Amino acid sequence: MIVGGSEETHAELRETVQRMELELDRQGQGLGDLDPVELAELAWRIDSPELHVIALRLEDGLEAQGRAFEELSAEELTAILAAAGVESL
């Protein structure tokens, strides 16, 4: 679900999600299978600089807390991104 933003923003996000899904299918993986470093690499391959930055900031936040991606809930991950200056995904 995409909420807010312009029609152009929605179209760009849909396109990014489609590229991401195709790449994940090609690799035989799901989005939940990726840690932040792998997500950053995926973002680079699908030409999504915004997602790449988000993934790297998430990895930095996890390192700073000494936590693993798999240990955290969606809410905790969102809090890490918020602390890193990422407003929303």
N, C-alpha and C. Protein backbone atom coordinates (compact mmCIF):
# COMPACT_ATOMS: atom_id res chain seq x y z
N MET A 1 0.84 -1.17 0.00
CA MET A 1 0.00 0.00 0.00
C MET A 1 0.89 1.23 0.00
N ILE A 2 0.54 2.18 -0.86
CA ILE A 2 1.26 3.43 -0.95
C ILE A 2 0.32 4.54 -0.53
N VAL A 3 0.73 5.32 0.47
CA VAL A 3 -0.12 6.38 1.00
C VAL A 3 0.61 7.71 0.89
N GLY A 4 -0.11 8.74 0.48
CA GLY A 4 0.48 10.07 0.39
C GLY A 4 1.30 10.24 -0.86
N GLY A 5 1.75 11.44 -1.07
CA GLY A 5 2.57 11.72 -2.23
C GLY A 5 1.75 11.97 -3.48
N SER A 6 2.45 12.31 -4.53
CA SER A 6 1.81 12.63 -5.80
C SER A 6 1.62 11.38 -6.65
N GLU A 7 0.86 11.53 -7.73
CA GLU A 7 0.68 10.43 -8.67
C GLU A 7 2.02 10.01 -9.26
N GLU A 8 2.89 10.99 -9.52
CA GLU A 8 4.22 10.70 -10.05
C GLU A 8 5.05 9.89 -9.05
N THR A 9 4.99 10.27 -7.78
CA THR A 9 5.71 9.54 -6.74
C THR A 9 5.22 8.10 -6.66
N HIS A 10 3.92 7.91 -6.74
CA HIS A 10 3.36 6.56 -6.69
C HIS A 10 3.85 5.73 -7.87
N ALA A 11 3.87 6.33 -9.05
CA ALA A 11 4.32 5.61 -10.24
C ALA A 11 5.79 5.22 -10.10
N GLU A 12 6.62 6.12 -9.59
CA GLU A 12 8.03 5.82 -9.39
C GLU A 12 8.22 4.70 -8.37
N LEU A 13 7.46 4.75 -7.28
CA LEU A 13 7.57 3.72 -6.26
C LEU A 13 7.10 2.37 -6.79
N ARG A 14 6.01 2.36 -7.53
CA ARG A 14 5.53 1.10 -8.13
C ARG A 14 6.59 0.50 -9.04
N GLU A 15 7.24 1.35 -9.83
CA GLU A 15 8.29 0.89 -10.73
C GLU A 15 9.47 0.30 -9.95
N THR A 16 9.87 0.98 -8.88
CA THR A 16 10.96 0.48 -8.04
C THR A 16 10.60 -0.86 -7.43
N VAL A 17 9.38 -0.98 -6.91
CA VAL A 17 8.94 -2.24 -6.30
C VAL A 17 8.93 -3.36 -7.34
N GLN A 18 8.50 -3.07 -8.54
CA GLN A 18 8.48 -4.09 -9.59
C GLN A 18 9.90 -4.56 -9.92
N ARG A 19 10.83 -3.61 -10.04
CA ARG A 19 12.23 -3.99 -10.31
C ARG A 19 12.78 -4.83 -9.16
N MET A 20 12.45 -4.44 -7.93
CA MET A 20 12.92 -5.17 -6.76
C MET A 20 12.35 -6.59 -6.75
N GLU A 21 11.05 -6.72 -7.01
CA GLU A 21 10.42 -8.05 -7.01
C GLU A 21 11.01 -8.94 -8.09
N LEU A 22 11.26 -8.39 -9.27
CA LEU A 22 11.87 -9.18 -10.35
C LEU A 22 13.26 -9.67 -9.96
N GLU A 23 14.04 -8.79 -9.36
CA GLU A 23 15.39 -9.18 -8.94
C GLU A 23 15.35 -10.23 -7.83
N LEU A 24 14.45 -10.06 -6.88
CA LEU A 24 14.32 -11.05 -5.81
C LEU A 24 13.86 -12.39 -6.36
N ASP A 25 12.92 -12.38 -7.29
CA ASP A 25 12.47 -13.63 -7.92
C ASP A 25 13.62 -14.30 -8.65
N ARG A 26 14.41 -13.50 -9.35
CA ARG A 26 15.56 -14.04 -10.08
C ARG A 26 16.53 -14.74 -9.14
N GLN A 27 16.67 -14.19 -7.93
CA GLN A 27 17.58 -14.75 -6.93
C GLN A 27 16.93 -15.84 -6.09
N GLY A 28 15.62 -16.02 -6.25
CA GLY A 28 14.92 -17.01 -5.43
C GLY A 28 14.83 -16.60 -3.97
N GLN A 29 14.71 -15.31 -3.71
CA GLN A 29 14.65 -14.80 -2.34
C GLN A 29 13.41 -13.94 -2.16
N GLY A 30 13.06 -13.72 -0.90
CA GLY A 30 12.03 -12.77 -0.55
C GLY A 30 12.67 -11.58 0.13
N LEU A 31 11.94 -10.48 0.20
CA LEU A 31 12.48 -9.27 0.82
C LEU A 31 12.90 -9.53 2.26
N GLY A 32 12.13 -10.34 2.98
CA GLY A 32 12.44 -10.66 4.37
C GLY A 32 13.69 -11.50 4.55
N ASP A 33 14.21 -12.05 3.45
CA ASP A 33 15.43 -12.86 3.51
C ASP A 33 16.69 -12.01 3.53
N LEU A 34 16.55 -10.73 3.24
CA LEU A 34 17.72 -9.86 3.09
C LEU A 34 18.03 -9.11 4.38
N ASP A 35 19.32 -9.05 4.71
CA ASP A 35 19.74 -8.16 5.78
C ASP A 35 19.99 -6.79 5.16
N PRO A 36 20.25 -5.75 5.94
CA PRO A 36 20.42 -4.41 5.37
C PRO A 36 21.53 -4.30 4.33
N VAL A 37 22.62 -5.02 4.51
CA VAL A 37 23.71 -4.94 3.53
C VAL A 37 23.25 -5.54 2.20
N GLU A 38 22.56 -6.66 2.26
CA GLU A 38 22.04 -7.28 1.04
C GLU A 38 20.98 -6.39 0.39
N LEU A 39 20.18 -5.72 1.21
CA LEU A 39 19.18 -4.79 0.68
C LEU A 39 19.87 -3.62 -0.02
N ALA A 40 20.95 -3.12 0.55
CA ALA A 40 21.70 -2.03 -0.08
C ALA A 40 22.26 -2.47 -1.43
N GLU A 41 22.76 -3.71 -1.49
CA GLU A 41 23.28 -4.23 -2.76
C GLU A 41 22.16 -4.38 -3.78
N LEU A 42 21.00 -4.86 -3.35
CA LEU A 42 19.85 -4.99 -4.23
C LEU A 42 19.44 -3.61 -4.75
N ALA A 43 19.38 -2.64 -3.86
CA ALA A 43 19.00 -1.28 -4.25
C ALA A 43 19.95 -0.73 -5.31
N TRP A 44 21.22 -1.02 -5.17
CA TRP A 44 22.21 -0.57 -6.14
C TRP A 44 21.95 -1.23 -7.50
N ARG A 45 21.67 -2.55 -7.48
CA ARG A 45 21.41 -3.27 -8.73
C ARG A 45 20.16 -2.79 -9.45
N ILE A 46 19.14 -2.38 -8.70
CA ILE A 46 17.89 -1.94 -9.34
C ILE A 46 17.86 -0.43 -9.54
N ASP A 47 18.97 0.23 -9.28
CA ASP A 47 19.11 1.67 -9.47
C ASP A 47 18.12 2.46 -8.62
N SER A 48 18.15 2.19 -7.31
CA SER A 48 17.32 2.93 -6.36
C SER A 48 18.23 3.55 -5.30
N PRO A 49 18.78 4.73 -5.58
CA PRO A 49 19.70 5.34 -4.63
C PRO A 49 19.06 5.65 -3.28
N GLU A 50 17.77 5.99 -3.29
CA GLU A 50 17.09 6.29 -2.03
C GLU A 50 17.03 5.06 -1.13
N LEU A 51 16.66 3.91 -1.70
CA LEU A 51 16.60 2.66 -0.94
C LEU A 51 18.00 2.26 -0.48
N HIS A 52 19.00 2.50 -1.29
CA HIS A 52 20.37 2.19 -0.94
C HIS A 52 20.79 2.95 0.32
N VAL A 53 20.49 4.24 0.35
CA VAL A 53 20.83 5.08 1.52
C VAL A 53 20.08 4.59 2.76
N ILE A 54 18.80 4.27 2.61
CA ILE A 54 18.00 3.78 3.74
C ILE A 54 18.62 2.51 4.31
N ALA A 55 18.98 1.58 3.43
CA ALA A 55 19.56 0.31 3.88
C ALA A 55 20.88 0.53 4.62
N LEU A 56 21.71 1.42 4.11
CA LEU A 56 22.99 1.70 4.78
C LEU A 56 22.79 2.37 6.13
N ARG A 57 21.83 3.27 6.22
CA ARG A 57 21.54 3.93 7.51
C ARG A 57 21.00 2.91 8.51
N LEU A 58 20.21 1.99 8.03
CA LEU A 58 19.69 0.94 8.91
C LEU A 58 20.83 0.08 9.42
N GLU A 59 21.74 -0.29 8.56
CA GLU A 59 22.90 -1.10 8.98
C GLU A 59 23.74 -0.34 10.00
N ASP A 60 23.96 0.95 9.78
CA ASP A 60 24.72 1.76 10.75
C ASP A 60 24.02 1.78 12.11
N GLY A 61 22.69 1.95 12.10
CA GLY A 61 21.93 1.96 13.35
C GLY A 61 22.00 0.64 14.09
N LEU A 62 21.94 -0.44 13.35
CA LEU A 62 22.05 -1.76 13.98
C LEU A 62 23.43 -1.96 14.60
N GLU A 63 24.46 -1.55 13.87
CA GLU A 63 25.82 -1.67 14.40
C GLU A 63 25.99 -0.83 15.66
N ALA A 64 25.46 0.38 15.65
CA ALA A 64 25.58 1.27 16.81
C ALA A 64 24.91 0.67 18.05
N GLN A 65 23.82 -0.06 17.83
CA GLN A 65 23.10 -0.68 18.95
C GLN A 65 23.61 -2.08 19.28
N GLY A 66 24.49 -2.60 18.43
CA GLY A 66 24.99 -3.96 18.64
C GLY A 66 23.91 -5.01 18.50
N ARG A 67 22.95 -4.75 17.60
CA ARG A 67 21.81 -5.64 17.41
C ARG A 67 21.85 -6.25 16.02
N ALA A 68 21.14 -7.34 15.86
CA ALA A 68 21.01 -7.99 14.55
C ALA A 68 19.64 -7.67 13.97
N PHE A 69 19.59 -7.57 12.66
CA PHE A 69 18.35 -7.25 11.95
C PHE A 69 17.22 -8.19 12.36
N GLU A 70 17.51 -9.47 12.46
CA GLU A 70 16.50 -10.48 12.75
C GLU A 70 15.90 -10.35 14.15
N GLU A 71 16.61 -9.69 15.04
CA GLU A 71 16.16 -9.54 16.43
C GLU A 71 15.10 -8.48 16.63
N LEU A 72 14.96 -7.58 15.66
CA LEU A 72 14.13 -6.40 15.86
C LEU A 72 12.78 -6.51 15.18
N SER A 73 11.80 -5.86 15.78
CA SER A 73 10.47 -5.77 15.19
C SER A 73 10.46 -4.65 14.15
N ALA A 74 9.39 -4.60 13.37
CA ALA A 74 9.23 -3.52 12.39
C ALA A 74 9.25 -2.16 13.07
N GLU A 75 8.64 -2.08 14.25
CA GLU A 75 8.60 -0.81 14.98
C GLU A 75 10.00 -0.38 15.41
N GLU A 76 10.80 -1.34 15.88
CA GLU A 76 12.16 -1.01 16.31
C GLU A 76 13.03 -0.60 15.11
N LEU A 77 12.85 -1.27 13.98
CA LEU A 77 13.59 -0.90 12.79
C LEU A 77 13.21 0.51 12.32
N THR A 78 11.93 0.81 12.39
CA THR A 78 11.44 2.14 12.03
C THR A 78 12.04 3.19 12.95
N ALA A 79 12.15 2.89 14.23
CA ALA A 79 12.74 3.83 15.19
C ALA A 79 14.21 4.08 14.87
N ILE A 80 14.93 3.05 14.47
CA ILE A 80 16.33 3.22 14.08
C ILE A 80 16.43 4.16 12.89
N LEU A 81 15.57 3.97 11.91
CA LEU A 81 15.60 4.82 10.72
C LEU A 81 15.21 6.26 11.07
N ALA A 82 14.23 6.41 11.94
CA ALA A 82 13.81 7.75 12.36
C ALA A 82 14.97 8.48 13.04
N ALA A 83 15.70 7.76 13.89
CA ALA A 83 16.85 8.34 14.58
C ALA A 83 17.95 8.72 13.60
N ALA A 84 17.98 8.02 12.46
CA ALA A 84 18.99 8.30 11.43
C ALA A 84 18.53 9.39 10.46
N GLY A 85 17.33 9.94 10.71
CA GLY A 85 16.85 11.01 9.86
C GLY A 85 16.02 10.56 8.67
N VAL A 86 15.62 9.29 8.64
CA VAL A 86 14.76 8.79 7.57
C VAL A 86 13.33 8.90 8.06
N GLU A 87 12.53 9.72 7.36
CA GLU A 87 11.17 10.00 7.83
C GLU A 87 10.23 8.84 7.65
N SER A 88 10.26 8.18 6.51
CA SER A 88 9.36 7.04 6.27
C SER A 88 9.90 6.21 5.12
N LEU A 89 9.37 5.01 5.04
CA LEU A 89 9.77 4.11 3.93
C LEU A 89 8.73 4.14 2.86
